[in-house]
Protein backbone atom coordinates (compact mmCIF):
# COMPACT_ATOMS: atom_id res chain seq x y z
CA MET A 1 0.00 0.00 0.00
CA PRO A 2 1.42 3.46 -0.87
CA ARG A 3 2.40 5.90 1.85
CA PRO A 4 -0.14 8.53 2.98
CA VAL A 5 0.12 11.83 1.10
CA TRP A 6 -1.56 13.85 3.87
CA THR A 7 -2.78 13.40 7.45
CA GLY A 8 -5.44 15.45 9.16
CA ALA A 9 -9.10 15.07 9.99
CA ILE A 10 -12.59 15.14 8.52
CA SER A 11 -14.70 17.90 10.08
CA PHE A 12 -18.38 16.89 10.04
CA GLY A 13 -20.34 19.46 12.05
CA LEU A 14 -18.95 19.05 15.58
CA VAL A 15 -17.57 15.58 14.76
CA THR A 16 -13.84 15.27 14.06
CA ILE A 17 -12.46 12.12 12.41
CA PRO A 18 -8.65 11.69 12.27
CA ILE A 19 -7.71 10.28 8.87
CA LYS A 20 -4.81 9.41 6.58
CA VAL A 21 -5.08 10.22 2.87
CA THR A 22 -3.77 7.78 0.25
CA SER A 23 -3.82 8.21 -3.52
CA ALA A 24 -6.54 6.06 -5.12
CA THR A 25 -4.91 5.79 -8.55
CA GLU A 26 -1.63 4.64 -10.11
CA ASN A 27 0.17 5.70 -13.27
CA HIS A 28 1.39 2.72 -15.31
CA SER A 29 2.71 4.77 -18.22
CA ILE A 30 6.25 3.95 -19.35
CA ARG A 31 8.63 6.80 -18.51
CA PHE A 32 11.63 7.73 -20.63
CA HIS A 33 14.87 9.50 -19.72
CA GLN A 34 16.69 11.87 -22.07
CA TYR A 35 19.95 10.61 -23.60
CA HIS A 36 22.64 12.04 -25.88
CA LEU A 37 22.21 9.98 -29.06
CA GLU A 38 25.89 10.02 -30.01
CA ASP A 39 27.12 8.22 -26.88
CA MET A 40 23.84 7.42 -25.01
CA ALA A 41 25.00 9.39 -21.97
CA ARG A 42 22.23 10.63 -19.68
CA VAL A 43 21.07 14.22 -20.23
CA ARG A 44 20.00 15.90 -16.99
CA THR A 45 18.34 19.18 -16.11
CA ARG A 46 20.50 21.30 -13.81
CA LYS A 47 19.27 24.20 -11.67
CA VAL A 48 21.48 27.26 -12.16
CA CYS A 49 21.37 30.63 -10.40
CA GLU A 50 21.08 33.33 -13.07
CA LEU A 51 23.12 35.92 -11.11
CA GLU A 52 25.97 33.70 -9.92
CA ASP A 53 25.95 31.48 -13.02
CA ARG A 54 26.45 28.31 -10.94
CA GLU A 55 24.48 25.19 -10.15
CA VAL A 56 22.66 25.34 -6.79
CA THR A 57 21.57 22.54 -4.48
CA GLN A 58 17.99 21.83 -3.41
CA ASP A 59 18.74 23.28 0.04
CA GLU A 60 19.46 26.65 -1.57
CA ILE A 61 16.17 26.74 -3.50
CA GLY A 62 12.94 28.23 -2.14
CA LYS A 63 9.58 29.53 -3.36
CA GLY A 64 9.04 33.13 -4.41
CA TYR A 65 6.29 35.24 -5.93
CA GLU A 66 7.14 37.94 -8.47
CA VAL A 67 5.28 41.06 -7.33
CA SER A 68 6.94 43.15 -10.05
CA LYS A 69 9.94 42.86 -12.34
CA ASP A 70 12.23 44.16 -9.61
CA GLN A 71 10.58 42.63 -6.53
CA VAL A 72 10.25 38.97 -5.54
CA VAL A 73 8.66 37.95 -2.24
CA ALA A 74 10.06 34.77 -0.69
CA VAL A 75 7.53 32.41 0.93
CA SER A 76 8.79 29.51 3.06
CA ASP A 77 7.23 26.06 3.37
CA GLU A 78 6.70 26.74 7.08
CA GLU A 79 4.70 29.89 6.28
CA LEU A 80 2.54 27.92 3.86
CA ARG A 81 1.91 25.27 6.52
CA GLU A 82 0.88 27.92 9.03
CA ILE A 83 -1.64 29.68 6.77
CA PRO A 84 -4.63 30.56 9.00
CA LEU A 85 -7.22 28.47 7.18
CA PRO A 86 -9.63 26.14 8.98
CA THR A 87 -9.20 23.70 6.08
CA ALA A 88 -5.39 23.61 6.37
CA LYS A 89 -5.60 20.77 8.89
CA ALA A 90 -9.04 19.35 8.10
CA ILE A 91 -11.29 18.23 5.28
CA GLU A 92 -14.35 20.26 6.20
CA ILE A 93 -17.74 19.05 4.93
CA VAL A 94 -19.65 22.22 4.04
CA ALA A 95 -22.80 20.96 2.29
CA PHE A 96 -24.71 18.06 0.79
CA VAL A 97 -25.98 18.48 -2.78
CA PRO A 98 -27.73 16.26 -5.36
CA TYR A 99 -25.24 14.04 -7.20
CA GLU A 100 -26.56 15.22 -10.57
CA SER A 101 -25.57 18.80 -9.70
CA ILE A 102 -21.86 17.83 -9.79
CA ASP A 103 -20.45 18.34 -13.29
CA PRO A 104 -18.16 15.34 -14.04
CA ILE A 105 -15.70 17.68 -15.76
CA GLN A 106 -15.02 19.24 -12.33
CA ILE A 107 -13.80 15.94 -10.86
CA GLY A 108 -10.04 15.54 -10.51
CA GLU A 109 -7.70 13.25 -8.56
CA GLY A 110 -9.09 10.52 -6.31
CA TYR A 111 -7.93 9.60 -2.80
CA TYR A 112 -8.87 7.04 -0.13
CA LEU A 113 -9.44 8.26 3.44
CA GLU A 114 -8.27 5.82 6.12
CA ALA A 115 -9.33 6.07 9.77
CA ASP A 116 -6.23 7.11 11.74
CA GLY A 117 -6.25 5.09 14.94
CA GLN A 118 -8.80 3.19 17.03
CA VAL A 119 -10.51 6.36 18.24
CA ALA A 120 -11.39 7.28 14.63
CA ASN A 121 -13.08 3.99 13.75
CA LYS A 122 -16.53 4.75 15.20
CA PRO A 123 -17.03 8.31 13.78
CA TYR A 124 -15.50 7.14 10.47
CA THR A 125 -17.99 4.25 10.27
CA LEU A 126 -20.83 6.58 11.23
CA LEU A 127 -20.02 9.00 8.40
CA ARG A 128 -19.56 6.13 5.94
CA LYS A 129 -22.98 4.65 6.75
CA ALA A 130 -24.61 8.08 6.57
CA LEU A 131 -23.11 8.64 3.11
CA GLU A 132 -24.22 5.17 1.96
CA ARG A 133 -27.84 5.77 2.99
CA ASN A 134 -27.99 9.33 1.68
CA ALA A 135 -28.72 10.01 -1.98
CA LYS A 136 -26.71 13.23 -1.95
CA ALA A 137 -23.05 14.07 -2.46
CA ALA A 138 -20.96 15.51 0.38
CA VAL A 139 -19.04 18.61 -0.69
CA ALA A 140 -15.97 19.50 1.36
CA LYS A 141 -13.20 22.11 1.44
CA PHE A 142 -9.53 21.33 2.14
CA ALA A 143 -6.14 23.00 1.69
CA TRP A 144 -3.23 21.10 0.13
CA HIS A 145 -0.10 22.22 -1.70
CA GLY A 146 -0.56 25.91 -1.02
CA ARG A 147 -4.17 26.33 -2.08
CA GLU A 148 -7.71 25.70 -0.87
CA ARG A 149 -9.73 23.23 -2.88
CA LEU A 150 -13.19 21.73 -3.19
CA GLY A 151 -13.78 18.02 -2.73
CA LEU A 152 -16.46 15.37 -3.17
CA LEU A 153 -16.85 12.58 -0.60
CA ARG A 154 -18.40 9.22 -1.49
CA VAL A 155 -18.14 5.57 -0.40
CA LYS A 156 -16.26 2.94 -2.42
CA GLU A 157 -16.21 -0.65 -1.16
CA GLY A 158 -16.52 0.33 2.49
CA VAL A 159 -13.95 3.14 2.33
CA ILE A 160 -14.62 6.90 2.14
CA ALA A 161 -13.12 8.33 -1.04
CA LEU A 162 -12.27 11.96 -1.69
CA HIS A 163 -12.34 13.41 -5.20
CA ALA A 164 -10.73 16.79 -5.76
CA LEU A 165 -13.07 19.21 -7.52
CA ARG A 166 -12.18 22.17 -9.69
CA TRP A 167 -13.67 25.48 -8.65
CA PRO A 168 -16.59 26.57 -10.87
CA ASP A 169 -14.54 29.45 -12.33
CA GLU A 170 -11.82 26.95 -13.39
CA VAL A 171 -14.19 25.21 -15.83
CA ARG A 172 -14.27 26.87 -19.23
CA SER A 173 -17.57 27.45 -20.95
CA PRO A 174 -18.11 25.21 -24.02
CA GLU A 175 -20.67 27.60 -25.46
CA GLN A 176 -18.48 28.75 -28.36
CA LEU A 177 -17.62 25.16 -29.34
CA ALA A 178 -21.11 23.86 -30.08
CA PRO A 179 -21.65 22.98 -33.78
CA LYS A 180 -24.02 24.96 -35.93
CA ALA A 181 -27.62 23.83 -36.12
CA VAL A 182 -28.27 20.91 -38.48
CA ASP A 183 -31.39 18.97 -39.40
CA ILE A 184 -31.67 15.59 -37.65
CA THR A 185 -34.70 13.39 -38.26
CA ASP A 186 -36.54 11.47 -35.55
CA LYS A 187 -35.65 8.24 -37.35
CA GLU A 188 -31.95 9.04 -37.11
CA VAL A 189 -32.27 9.78 -33.39
CA ASP A 190 -34.20 6.51 -32.86
CA GLU A 191 -31.51 4.57 -34.70
CA ALA A 192 -28.80 6.23 -32.60
CA LEU A 193 -30.70 5.24 -29.43
CA LEU A 194 -30.96 1.70 -30.74
CA LEU A 195 -27.18 1.67 -31.28
CA ILE A 196 -26.65 2.88 -27.69
CA ASP A 197 -28.92 0.10 -26.39
CA SER A 198 -27.09 -2.54 -28.43
CA MET A 199 -23.74 -1.37 -27.05
CA THR A 200 -24.89 -1.07 -23.41
CA ARG A 201 -23.24 -3.43 -20.92
CA GLU A 202 -24.20 -4.14 -17.32
CA GLU A 203 -20.81 -5.61 -16.37
CA PRO A 204 -18.07 -3.40 -14.82
CA ILE A 205 -15.81 -1.62 -17.28
CA GLU A 206 -12.69 -3.27 -15.85
CA ASP A 207 -13.99 -6.66 -17.02
CA ALA A 208 -14.24 -5.55 -20.66
CA GLU A 209 -11.74 -6.96 -23.15
CA TRP A 210 -11.14 -3.45 -24.55
CA ALA A 211 -10.27 -2.00 -21.11
CA THR A 212 -6.53 -2.48 -21.62
CA ASP A 213 -3.77 -0.05 -22.56
CA ARG A 214 -2.68 -1.53 -25.89
CA TYR A 215 -0.18 1.26 -26.55
CA THR A 216 1.77 0.54 -23.35
CA GLU A 217 1.75 -3.20 -24.13
CA ALA A 218 3.06 -2.56 -27.65
CA LEU A 219 5.70 -0.16 -26.30
CA GLN A 220 6.89 -2.82 -23.83
CA ASP A 221 7.27 -5.28 -26.73
CA VAL A 222 9.39 -2.74 -28.62
CA ILE A 223 11.63 -2.09 -25.58
CA HIS A 224 12.09 -5.79 -24.82
CA ALA A 225 12.93 -6.59 -28.44
CA LYS A 226 15.51 -3.80 -28.70
CA ALA A 227 17.04 -4.77 -25.33
CA GLU A 228 17.61 -8.28 -26.72
CA GLY A 229 19.10 -6.95 -29.96
CA LYS A 230 16.08 -7.95 -32.02
CA GLN A 231 13.95 -6.02 -34.48
CA PRO A 232 10.78 -4.51 -32.94
CA PRO A 233 7.55 -6.32 -33.87
CA ALA A 234 6.21 -5.34 -37.27
CA VAL A 235 3.11 -3.15 -37.23
CA GLU A 236 0.30 -4.07 -39.58
CA PRO A 237 -0.69 -1.05 -41.68
CA GLU A 238 -4.14 0.30 -40.91
CA GLU A 239 -6.65 0.74 -43.66
CA ALA A 240 -6.75 4.39 -44.68
CA PRO A 241 -10.12 6.21 -44.56
CA SER A 242 -11.88 6.15 -47.88
CA GLY A 243 -12.58 9.88 -47.84
CA ARG A 244 -16.13 9.41 -49.12
CA VAL A 245 -19.11 11.09 -47.47
CA VAL A 246 -21.06 8.44 -45.54
CA ASP A 247 -24.83 8.26 -45.41
CA LEU A 248 -25.50 8.78 -41.68
CA MET A 249 -28.60 6.59 -41.53
CA ALA A 250 -26.91 3.73 -43.38
CA ALA A 251 -23.90 3.97 -41.07
CA LEU A 252 -26.15 3.81 -37.99
CA GLU A 253 -28.06 0.81 -39.27
CA GLN A 254 -24.86 -1.03 -40.16
CA SER A 255 -23.38 -0.22 -36.73
CA VAL A 256 -26.48 -1.60 -34.96
CA GLN A 257 -26.28 -4.79 -37.02
CA GLN A 258 -22.58 -5.25 -36.21
CA ALA A 259 -23.25 -4.68 -32.51
CA LYS A 260 -26.02 -7.29 -32.52
CA GLU A 261 -23.81 -9.82 -34.30
CA SER A 262 -20.98 -9.17 -31.84
CA ARG A 263 -23.31 -9.76 -28.89
CA ALA A 264 -24.64 -12.93 -30.46
CA ASP A 265 -21.06 -14.24 -30.76
CA GLY A 266 -20.41 -13.49 -27.09
CA GLY A 267 -18.14 -10.54 -27.86
CA HIS A 268 -18.54 -6.83 -27.44
CA ALA A 269 -19.49 -4.14 -29.87
CA THR A 270 -16.73 -2.36 -31.75
CA VAL A 271 -17.08 1.29 -32.71
CA HIS A 272 -15.40 2.27 -35.97
CA GLU A 273 -14.27 5.81 -36.65
CA MET A 274 -16.31 7.58 -39.30
CA PRO A 275 -14.33 8.19 -42.53
CA LYS A 276 -13.08 11.76 -42.87
CA LYS A 277 -13.71 14.04 -45.81
CA LYS A 278 -11.09 14.31 -48.55
CA ALA A 279 -10.30 17.91 -47.65
CA ALA A 280 -9.43 16.90 -44.11
CA ALA A 281 -7.29 14.03 -45.38
CA LYS A 282 -5.34 16.34 -47.72
CA LYS A 283 -4.84 18.84 -44.92
CA SER A 284 -3.38 16.15 -42.68
CA ALA A 285 -1.10 14.99 -45.50
CA LYS A 286 0.38 18.49 -45.83
CA LYS A 287 1.38 18.47 -42.17
CA THR A 288 3.35 15.21 -42.52
CA PRO A 289 7.14 15.87 -42.45
CA ALA A 290 8.62 15.33 -45.90
CA LYS A 291 12.01 14.15 -44.66
CA LYS A 292 13.24 12.10 -41.72
CA THR A 293 16.92 12.42 -40.91
CA THR A 294 17.67 9.11 -39.24
CA ALA A 295 16.21 5.63 -38.91
CA LYS A 296 15.85 6.15 -35.14
CA LYS A 297 13.76 9.30 -35.61
CA ALA A 298 11.60 7.54 -38.17
CA THR A 299 10.89 4.72 -35.71
CA ALA A 300 10.09 7.18 -32.91
CA GLN A 301 7.77 9.22 -35.07
CA LYS A 302 5.99 6.10 -36.32
CA THR A 303 5.45 4.91 -32.76
CA ALA A 304 4.22 8.33 -31.56
CA ALA A 305 1.82 8.61 -34.48
CA LYS A 306 -0.03 5.51 -33.31
CA LYS A 307 -0.35 6.59 -29.69
CA PRO A 308 -4.05 6.80 -28.84
CA ARG A 309 -5.33 9.77 -26.91
CA ARG A 310 -6.68 9.21 -23.46
CA SER A 311 -9.79 10.89 -22.27
CA ALA A 312 -9.33 13.20 -19.39
């Protein structure tokens, strides 16, 4: 189990619950170091004082805020810890709101809250049971890493979880991004709903065959092959988009049929990306570099080009 990232208490009215906070997620991405390609020596980032033109140690480095071009105010870690905020030492529950009022885009990192000591077990269990029986979300305030934040408390498998929330003014408005009005028929909407129904699953997402990071697995294969002096596994070329304009209704009907066939075979529905227009394809082609200097760069660019984007 990872080490606690914070210790404090949950403040619930007049009830105080000592807790330890542990990160609820892990990052399994493969991390690279920077190397000098000529001799494969490690390239490191060094911290240099601009006035003295010398490298400084971590003990010589502190935090500062630039008030103006000629004035910087130093702020110590001790001063940050002693900020007179009631939430600096506690996760303070401030309200209960309907779950549907929480915009998912506000939700950030997740943490598990562990009862800290025997004395915390009873009030912790009391709050957990109250949250389980209540249909509302507990909104809290807490101060970590030099700033006050909003949080959402919920119960996951018998443990109270805390989700960091972005402040309302930190969420950008999507108003300018909405597409222009288009005509959609009721039949097209009904077919889209039918496709949603055919792709709906009751099982947990983690049990799905597609819930795996294929890019990381492929990258591990490349690293292992190169470490053993072998050629990386060959990548099968993907079929290029046809560039033709697809009839939306026909595409929906075909997608529903494929989803039904997949379910009948015991598999899961596969969603195929809609073919792009020719203009978009030509535009992408213009952005492709015309020359690659070395075989290593070509391999790196080919690998990066196939990296799928993750949703936030």
